[in-house]
Amino acid sequence: MVEMYGEIDLTTAAAVQAPLYVATALPGARLIVDLRAVVFFDCAALTLLHRARRRVSECGGALGLVCVRPWHRKILAAGGVTPLVPMFATVQEALVVARPD
C-alpha cells in the first residue's frame, strides 16, 4: 500500500513516483493507493496513477484506490482513471478485494 498525502503536483510528483515505482515492480503486484490524506492533486498525480496502473497490469497485477472525497472522484473521472481503476471507501474494503485468489 502507498499512502499519498498533502499536495501532489508537478513539484512533488517525483517524491511520490519513487514509492509507486517500487510498489509496482514485482510481478503480480496488488497495489492500493490511499488518497484520503491528499488535499490537492493535479494532472501530475493523474499521470503517476496511470503509469502505476499500466505497470501493474503489464505484470499481471492490480491497482485500487482508496478515496472518499467527491472532488477526488470527479478529477479521477475527468482524467480517465475511474474506468480503469476500482475505487474503495476504506483500506479494509480495498484489502479484501485485492487479496490474491
C-alpha atoms as a PDB file:
ATOM      1  CA  MET A   1       0.000   0.000   0.000  1.00  0.00           C
ATOM      2  CA  VAL A   2       1.163   3.508  -0.812  1.00  0.00           C
ATOM      3  CA  GLU A   3      -0.304   6.376   1.190  1.00  0.00           C
ATOM      4  CA  MET A   4      -0.271   9.751  -0.502  1.00  0.00           C
ATOM      5  CA  TYR A   5      -0.724  12.920   1.493  1.00  0.00           C
ATOM      6  CA  GLY A   6      -0.560  16.680   1.160  1.00  0.00           C
ATOM      7  CA  GLU A   7      -0.316  18.153  -2.298  1.00  0.00           C
ATOM      8  CA  ILE A   8       0.563  16.046  -5.342  1.00  0.00           C
ATOM      9  CA  ASP A   9       1.540  18.305  -8.210  1.00  0.00           C
ATOM     10  CA  LEU A  10       4.396  18.887 -10.615  1.00  0.00           C
ATOM     11  CA  THR A  11       6.753  19.953  -7.817  1.00  0.00           C
ATOM     12  CA  THR A  12       6.051  16.946  -5.559  1.00  0.00           C
ATOM     13  CA  ALA A  13       5.373  14.209  -8.126  1.00  0.00           C
ATOM     14  CA  ALA A  14       8.987  12.996  -8.212  1.00  0.00           C
ATOM     15  CA  ALA A  15       8.887  12.206  -4.487  1.00  0.00           C
ATOM     16  CA  VAL A  16       5.699  10.185  -4.952  1.00  0.00           C
ATOM     17  CA  GLN A  17       6.956   8.419  -8.056  1.00  0.00           C
ATOM     18  CA  ALA A  18       9.709   6.501  -6.243  1.00  0.00           C
ATOM     19  CA  PRO A  19       7.454   4.528  -3.844  1.00  0.00           C
ATOM     20  CA  LEU A  20       4.965   3.863  -6.638  1.00  0.00           C
ATOM     21  CA  TYR A  21       7.748   2.543  -8.853  1.00  0.00           C
ATOM     22  CA  VAL A  22       8.994   0.201  -6.128  1.00  0.00           C
ATOM     23  CA  ALA A  23       5.458  -0.989  -5.303  1.00  0.00           C
ATOM     24  CA  THR A  24       4.703  -1.800  -8.946  1.00  0.00           C
ATOM     25  CA  ALA A  25       7.996  -3.545  -9.745  1.00  0.00           C
ATOM     26  CA  LEU A  26       7.082  -7.062  -8.615  1.00  0.00           C
ATOM     27  CA  PRO A  27       5.191  -9.405 -10.934  1.00  0.00           C
ATOM     28  CA  GLY A  28       1.587  -9.794  -9.819  1.00  0.00           C
ATOM     29  CA  ALA A  29       1.747  -6.764  -7.514  1.00  0.00           C
ATOM     30  CA  ARG A  30      -1.556  -5.822  -5.936  1.00  0.00           C
ATOM     31  CA  LEU A  31      -1.204  -2.164  -5.076  1.00  0.00           C
ATOM     32  CA  ILE A  32      -3.556   0.012  -3.087  1.00  0.00           C
ATOM     33  CA  VAL A  33      -3.045   3.770  -3.236  1.00  0.00           C
ATOM     34  CA  ASP A  34      -4.650   5.673  -0.368  1.00  0.00           C
ATOM     35  CA  LEU A  35      -5.654   9.205  -1.368  1.00  0.00           C
ATOM     36  CA  ARG A  36      -7.601  10.109   1.780  1.00  0.00           C
ATOM     37  CA  ALA A  37      -4.928  12.482   3.120  1.00  0.00           C
ATOM     38  CA  VAL A  38      -4.378  14.266  -0.195  1.00  0.00           C
ATOM     39  CA  VAL A  39      -5.563  17.875  -0.043  1.00  0.00           C
ATOM     40  CA  PHE A  40      -4.741  18.768  -3.647  1.00  0.00           C
ATOM     41  CA  PHE A  41      -3.693  16.960  -6.806  1.00  0.00           C
ATOM     42  CA  ASP A  42      -3.411  17.853 -10.443  1.00  0.00           C
ATOM     43  CA  CYS A  43      -2.550  16.187 -13.747  1.00  0.00           C
ATOM     44  CA  ALA A  44       0.864  15.155 -12.390  1.00  0.00           C
ATOM     45  CA  ALA A  45      -0.886  12.848  -9.924  1.00  0.00           C
ATOM     46  CA  LEU A  46      -3.145  11.513 -12.667  1.00  0.00           C
ATOM     47  CA  THR A  47      -0.051  10.701 -14.733  1.00  0.00           C
ATOM     48  CA  LEU A  48       1.501   8.839 -11.797  1.00  0.00           C
ATOM     49  CA  LEU A  49      -1.672   6.803 -11.292  1.00  0.00           C
ATOM     50  CA  HIS A  50      -1.944   5.936 -14.987  1.00  0.00           C
ATOM     51  CA  ARG A  51       1.700   4.819 -15.027  1.00  0.00           C
ATOM     52  CA  ALA A  52       1.237   2.732 -11.883  1.00  0.00           C
ATOM     53  CA  ARG A  53      -1.857   1.071 -13.344  1.00  0.00           C
ATOM     54  CA  ARG A  54      -0.049   0.304 -16.573  1.00  0.00           C
ATOM     55  CA  ARG A  55       2.965  -1.156 -14.741  1.00  0.00           C
ATOM     56  CA  VAL A  56       0.901  -3.481 -12.534  1.00  0.00           C
ATOM     57  CA  SER A  57      -1.306  -4.501 -15.456  1.00  0.00           C
ATOM     58  CA  GLU A  58       1.707  -5.397 -17.605  1.00  0.00           C
ATOM     59  CA  CYS A  59       2.994  -7.631 -14.796  1.00  0.00           C
ATOM     60  CA  GLY A  60      -0.318  -9.362 -14.074  1.00  0.00           C
ATOM     61  CA  GLY A  61      -1.135  -7.268 -11.014  1.00  0.00           C
ATOM     62  CA  ALA A  62      -3.865  -4.866  -9.997  1.00  0.00           C
ATOM     63  CA  LEU A  63      -4.278  -1.344  -8.675  1.00  0.00           C
ATOM     64  CA  GLY A  64      -7.010   0.024  -6.430  1.00  0.00           C
ATOM     65  CA  LEU A  65      -7.603   3.473  -4.977  1.00  0.00           C
ATOM     66  CA  VAL A  66      -8.977   4.478  -1.605  1.00  0.00           C
ATOM     67  CA  CYS A  67     -10.690   7.834  -1.974  1.00  0.00           C
ATOM     68  CA  VAL A  68     -13.676   9.303  -0.224  1.00  0.00           C
ATOM     69  CA  ARG A  69     -13.694  12.930  -1.307  1.00  0.00           C
ATOM     70  CA  PRO A  70     -16.179  13.748  -4.066  1.00  0.00           C
ATOM     71  CA  TRP A  71     -13.752  16.133  -5.756  1.00  0.00           C
ATOM     72  CA  HIS A  72     -11.123  13.351  -5.879  1.00  0.00           C
ATOM     73  CA  ARG A  73     -13.569  11.159  -7.738  1.00  0.00           C
ATOM     74  CA  LYS A  74     -14.560  13.993 -10.065  1.00  0.00           C
ATOM     75  CA  ILE A  75     -10.945  14.711 -11.061  1.00  0.00           C
ATOM     76  CA  LEU A  76     -10.146  10.997 -11.375  1.00  0.00           C
ATOM     77  CA  ALA A  77     -13.148  10.571 -13.671  1.00  0.00           C
ATOM     78  CA  ALA A  78     -12.180  13.591 -15.781  1.00  0.00           C
ATOM     79  CA  GLY A  79      -8.621  12.246 -16.016  1.00  0.00           C
ATOM     80  CA  GLY A  80      -9.769   8.836 -17.253  1.00  0.00           C
ATOM     81  CA  VAL A  81      -8.698   6.911 -14.140  1.00  0.00           C
ATOM     82  CA  THR A  82     -12.150   5.883 -12.910  1.00  0.00           C
ATOM     83  CA  PRO A  83     -12.988   3.351 -15.646  1.00  0.00           C
ATOM     84  CA  LEU A  84      -9.578   1.689 -15.269  1.00  0.00           C
ATOM     85  CA  VAL A  85      -9.046   1.506 -11.514  1.00  0.00           C
ATOM     86  CA  PRO A  86     -11.507   0.319  -8.858  1.00  0.00           C
ATOM     87  CA  MET A  87     -12.157   2.759  -6.021  1.00  0.00           C
ATOM     88  CA  PHE A  88     -12.919   1.960  -2.416  1.00  0.00           C
ATOM     89  CA  ALA A  89     -14.181   3.874   0.595  1.00  0.00           C
ATOM     90  CA  THR A  90     -11.843   2.202   3.095  1.00  0.00           C
ATOM     91  CA  VAL A  91      -8.484   0.483   3.156  1.00  0.00           C
ATOM     92  CA  GLN A  92     -10.146  -2.603   4.649  1.00  0.00           C
ATOM     93  CA  GLU A  93     -12.543  -2.847   1.706  1.00  0.00           C
ATOM     94  CA  ALA A  94      -9.650  -2.475  -0.742  1.00  0.00           C
ATOM     95  CA  LEU A  95      -7.625  -5.144   1.054  1.00  0.00           C
ATOM     96  CA  VAL A  96     -10.457  -7.657   0.842  1.00  0.00           C
ATOM     97  CA  VAL A  97     -10.847  -7.101  -2.897  1.00  0.00           C
ATOM     98  CA  ALA A  98      -7.084  -7.006  -3.530  1.00  0.00           C
ATOM     99  CA  ARG A  99      -6.428 -10.407  -1.937  1.00  0.00           C
ATOM    100  CA  PRO A 100      -4.945 -12.876  -4.375  1.00  0.00           C
ATOM    101  CA  ASP A 101      -7.309 -15.640  -5.472  1.00  0.00           C
END
